[in-house]
N, C-alpha and C. Protein backbone atom coordinates (compact mmCIF):
# COMPACT_ATOMS: atom_id res chain seq x y z
N MET A 1 202.22 -146.08 69.98
CA MET A 1 201.39 -147.93 69.72
C MET A 1 201.29 -148.01 68.10
N ALA A 2 201.23 -149.16 67.62
CA ALA A 2 200.79 -149.12 66.73
C ALA A 2 199.40 -149.23 65.58
N THR A 3 199.71 -149.11 65.37
CA THR A 3 197.82 -148.73 64.42
C THR A 3 197.73 -149.39 62.79
N ARG A 4 196.37 -149.50 62.70
CA ARG A 4 195.95 -150.33 61.42
C ARG A 4 195.16 -149.41 60.70
N LYS A 5 195.37 -149.09 59.02
CA LYS A 5 193.78 -148.48 58.62
C LYS A 5 192.83 -149.51 58.12
N MET A 6 191.78 -149.07 58.63
CA MET A 6 190.88 -150.12 57.89
C MET A 6 189.90 -149.09 57.47
N THR A 7 188.78 -149.38 56.59
CA THR A 7 187.87 -149.05 55.71
C THR A 7 186.43 -149.17 56.11
N PHE A 8 185.51 -148.47 56.76
CA PHE A 8 184.28 -148.64 57.26
C PHE A 8 183.76 -147.93 55.87
N THR A 9 181.92 -148.88 56.09
CA THR A 9 180.86 -147.94 55.36
C THR A 9 180.07 -147.30 56.20
N LEU A 10 179.46 -146.37 56.42
CA LEU A 10 178.87 -145.95 57.27
C LEU A 10 177.04 -145.28 56.63
N PRO A 11 176.32 -145.47 57.12
CA PRO A 11 174.98 -145.07 56.51
C PRO A 11 174.87 -143.31 56.28
N GLU A 12 174.61 -142.82 55.54
CA GLU A 12 174.89 -141.34 54.91
C GLU A 12 174.53 -140.81 56.41
N SER A 13 173.47 -140.67 56.39
CA SER A 13 173.37 -139.66 57.88
C SER A 13 174.11 -139.50 58.76
N LEU A 14 174.63 -140.77 58.95
CA LEU A 14 176.00 -141.11 60.49
C LEU A 14 176.83 -140.58 59.74
N ALA A 15 177.23 -140.42 58.61
CA ALA A 15 178.42 -139.90 57.85
C ALA A 15 178.15 -138.59 58.30
N THR A 16 177.56 -137.83 57.87
CA THR A 16 177.71 -136.44 57.45
C THR A 16 177.19 -135.78 58.88
N ARG A 17 176.51 -136.60 60.03
CA ARG A 17 176.49 -135.96 61.76
C ARG A 17 177.99 -136.00 62.00
N LEU A 18 178.68 -136.90 61.86
CA LEU A 18 179.94 -137.18 61.97
C LEU A 18 181.28 -135.72 61.18
N ALA A 19 180.65 -135.69 59.84
CA ALA A 19 181.77 -134.80 59.15
C ALA A 19 181.10 -133.32 60.15
N LYS A 20 180.01 -132.83 60.34
CA LYS A 20 179.78 -132.03 60.93
C LYS A 20 180.13 -131.03 62.18
N ARG A 21 180.13 -132.60 63.04
CA ARG A 21 180.59 -132.54 64.82
C ARG A 21 181.90 -132.66 64.76
N ILE A 22 182.72 -133.58 64.23
CA ILE A 22 184.28 -134.00 64.56
C ILE A 22 185.37 -133.05 63.40
N PRO A 23 186.12 -132.37 64.07
CA PRO A 23 186.73 -131.82 63.12
C PRO A 23 187.96 -133.11 61.80
N SER A 24 188.05 -133.22 61.19
CA SER A 24 188.78 -134.63 60.11
C SER A 24 189.96 -134.72 60.94
N ARG A 25 190.77 -134.01 61.34
CA ARG A 25 191.60 -133.77 62.04
C ARG A 25 191.87 -135.10 63.49
N ASN A 26 190.61 -135.12 63.57
CA ASN A 26 189.70 -135.76 65.17
C ASN A 26 188.98 -136.95 64.55
N ARG A 27 188.77 -137.25 63.59
CA ARG A 27 187.73 -138.31 63.19
C ARG A 27 188.22 -139.91 63.67
N SER A 28 189.76 -139.80 63.44
CA SER A 28 190.33 -141.27 63.37
C SER A 28 190.36 -141.33 65.02
N ARG A 29 191.00 -140.57 65.95
CA ARG A 29 190.37 -140.40 67.25
C ARG A 29 189.32 -141.15 68.22
N TYR A 30 188.43 -139.97 67.57
CA TYR A 30 186.90 -140.11 68.27
C TYR A 30 186.49 -141.77 67.79
N VAL A 31 186.51 -141.92 66.41
CA VAL A 31 186.10 -143.73 65.91
C VAL A 31 186.75 -144.32 66.93
N SER A 32 188.10 -144.31 66.63
CA SER A 32 188.42 -145.65 68.07
C SER A 32 188.22 -145.11 69.39
N ASP A 33 188.18 -144.30 69.99
CA ASP A 33 187.37 -144.23 71.55
C ASP A 33 185.93 -144.56 71.39
N ALA A 34 185.03 -144.42 70.59
CA ALA A 34 183.95 -145.03 70.07
C ALA A 34 183.83 -146.23 70.35
N ILE A 35 184.66 -147.13 69.61
CA ILE A 35 184.84 -148.22 69.50
C ILE A 35 185.10 -148.97 70.38
N ALA A 36 186.25 -148.26 71.21
CA ALA A 36 186.67 -148.93 72.73
C ALA A 36 185.80 -149.19 73.81
N ALA A 37 184.75 -147.84 73.76
CA ALA A 37 184.42 -147.95 74.43
C ALA A 37 182.80 -149.26 74.73
N ARG A 38 182.47 -149.45 73.17
CA ARG A 38 181.47 -150.17 72.93
C ARG A 38 181.89 -151.50 73.17
N LEU A 39 183.05 -151.74 72.76
CA LEU A 39 183.92 -153.30 73.25
C LEU A 39 184.05 -153.29 74.32
N ASN A 40 184.02 -152.03 75.70
CA ASN A 40 184.04 -152.44 76.73
C ASN A 40 182.92 -152.63 77.25
N ASP A 41 181.93 -151.55 77.09
CA ASP A 41 180.13 -152.35 77.10
C ASP A 41 180.03 -153.68 76.83
N ARG A 42 181.23 -154.17 76.13
CA ARG A 42 180.00 -155.48 75.60
C ARG A 42 180.42 -156.51 76.85
N GLU A 43 182.65 -156.38 76.83
CA GLU A 43 183.13 -157.63 77.31
C GLU A 43 182.57 -157.53 78.88
N ARG A 44 181.83 -156.24 79.31
CA ARG A 44 181.23 -155.84 80.69
C ARG A 44 180.45 -156.84 80.83
N GLN A 45 179.42 -157.16 79.91
CA GLN A 45 178.01 -157.42 79.80
C GLN A 45 178.17 -158.90 79.77
N LEU A 46 178.81 -159.84 78.68
CA LEU A 46 179.49 -160.73 78.71
C LEU A 46 180.17 -160.75 80.29
N ALA A 47 181.06 -160.49 81.00
CA ALA A 47 181.58 -160.96 82.28
C ALA A 47 180.03 -161.10 83.29
N LYS A 48 179.26 -160.19 83.18
CA LYS A 48 178.06 -160.32 84.00
C LYS A 48 177.20 -161.27 83.46
N SER A 49 177.24 -161.56 82.77
CA SER A 49 176.38 -162.76 82.05
C SER A 49 177.27 -163.91 82.61
N CYS A 50 178.63 -163.61 82.38
CA CYS A 50 178.99 -165.11 82.89
C CYS A 50 179.15 -165.59 84.25
N GLU A 51 179.32 -164.39 85.36
CA GLU A 51 178.75 -164.72 86.89
C GLU A 51 177.18 -165.35 87.06
N ALA A 52 176.64 -164.47 86.21
CA ALA A 52 175.09 -164.78 86.30
C ALA A 52 175.33 -165.90 86.44
N ALA A 53 175.09 -166.55 85.31
CA ALA A 53 175.23 -167.80 84.81
C ALA A 53 175.88 -169.12 86.39
N ASN A 54 177.18 -168.53 86.36
CA ASN A 54 178.58 -169.15 87.34
C ASN A 54 177.40 -169.52 88.62
N ALA A 55 176.50 -168.42 89.13
CA ALA A 55 175.71 -168.41 90.04
C ALA A 55 174.81 -169.26 90.33
N ASN A 56 174.10 -170.13 89.14
CA ASN A 56 172.70 -170.65 89.28
C ASN A 56 172.91 -172.04 89.26
N ALA A 57 172.36 -171.77 89.82
CA ALA A 57 172.49 -174.05 90.46
C ALA A 57 172.24 -174.97 89.53
N ASP A 58 171.38 -174.77 88.44
CA ASP A 58 171.45 -175.43 87.37
C ASP A 58 172.74 -175.21 86.40
N VAL A 59 172.94 -174.15 86.28
CA VAL A 59 174.24 -174.49 85.61
C VAL A 59 175.63 -175.70 85.86
N ALA A 60 175.31 -175.08 87.16
CA ALA A 60 176.55 -175.44 88.34
C ALA A 60 176.08 -177.03 88.51
N ARG A 61 174.65 -177.65 87.98
CA ARG A 61 174.54 -179.24 87.91
C ARG A 61 175.09 -179.62 86.37
N ILE A 62 174.63 -179.34 85.81
CA ILE A 62 175.54 -178.84 84.33
C ILE A 62 176.15 -179.63 83.87
N GLU A 63 177.49 -178.08 84.47
CA GLU A 63 178.58 -178.27 84.76
C GLU A 63 178.89 -180.03 85.30
N ARG A 64 178.33 -180.48 86.23
CA ARG A 64 178.88 -181.50 87.28
C ARG A 64 179.02 -182.86 86.35
N ASP A 65 177.89 -182.47 85.47
CA ASP A 65 177.62 -183.92 84.86
C ASP A 65 178.60 -184.50 83.41
N MET A 66 178.73 -182.55 83.00
CA MET A 66 179.63 -182.28 81.86
C MET A 66 180.96 -183.27 81.97
N ASP A 67 181.57 -182.88 83.50
CA ASP A 67 182.49 -183.33 84.19
C ASP A 67 183.01 -184.41 84.29
N ALA A 68 181.61 -185.56 84.17
CA ALA A 68 181.55 -186.78 84.65
C ALA A 68 182.12 -187.40 83.01
N LEU A 69 181.79 -186.78 81.84
CA LEU A 69 181.97 -187.30 80.62
C LEU A 69 183.34 -187.76 81.10
N PRO A 70 183.57 -188.84 80.17
CA PRO A 70 184.94 -189.33 79.84
C PRO A 70 185.21 -187.60 78.65
N ASP A 71 186.95 -187.48 79.02
CA ASP A 71 187.60 -186.99 78.53
C ASP A 71 187.87 -187.25 76.47
N THR A 72 187.52 -188.73 76.37
CA THR A 72 187.70 -189.18 74.85
C THR A 72 186.62 -188.99 74.63
N MET A 73 186.92 -188.58 72.54
CA MET A 73 185.83 -189.21 72.13
C MET A 73 186.17 -189.75 71.30
N THR A 74 184.97 -190.60 70.64
CA THR A 74 185.36 -191.38 69.37
C THR A 74 185.02 -191.36 68.28
N PRO A 75 186.41 -190.64 67.57
CA PRO A 75 185.73 -190.36 66.16
C PRO A 75 184.80 -191.02 64.95
N ALA A 76 184.40 -189.97 64.16
CA ALA A 76 183.16 -190.00 63.74
C ALA A 76 182.86 -190.96 62.76
N ARG A 77 182.55 -192.09 62.05
CA ARG A 77 182.33 -192.95 61.42
C ARG A 77 182.24 -192.47 60.02
N ARG A 78 182.81 -192.44 58.56
CA ARG A 78 182.80 -191.85 57.67
C ARG A 78 182.15 -192.58 56.66
N ARG A 79 181.19 -191.64 56.31
CA ARG A 79 179.93 -192.54 55.07
C ARG A 79 180.68 -192.66 54.36
N GLY A 80 180.51 -193.71 53.59
CA GLY A 80 180.96 -193.80 52.15
C GLY A 80 179.86 -194.63 50.85
């Protein structure tokens, strides 16, 4: 797997906790796993929100109204 080196700034207290609990040779993997888990959680939350919105009758009505609009847009007028 390709890797990419990045630099982050952490609050001192968090950096100290990380340094005390995770050996230096394991920190990149630990941080990578933590970020992946957090991003996965956010993606699951987004999917749940989309499912809830798609099940909402008001949202369905708005989508039907939007679908009825023409696909073309008039270019904005330039102010001069």
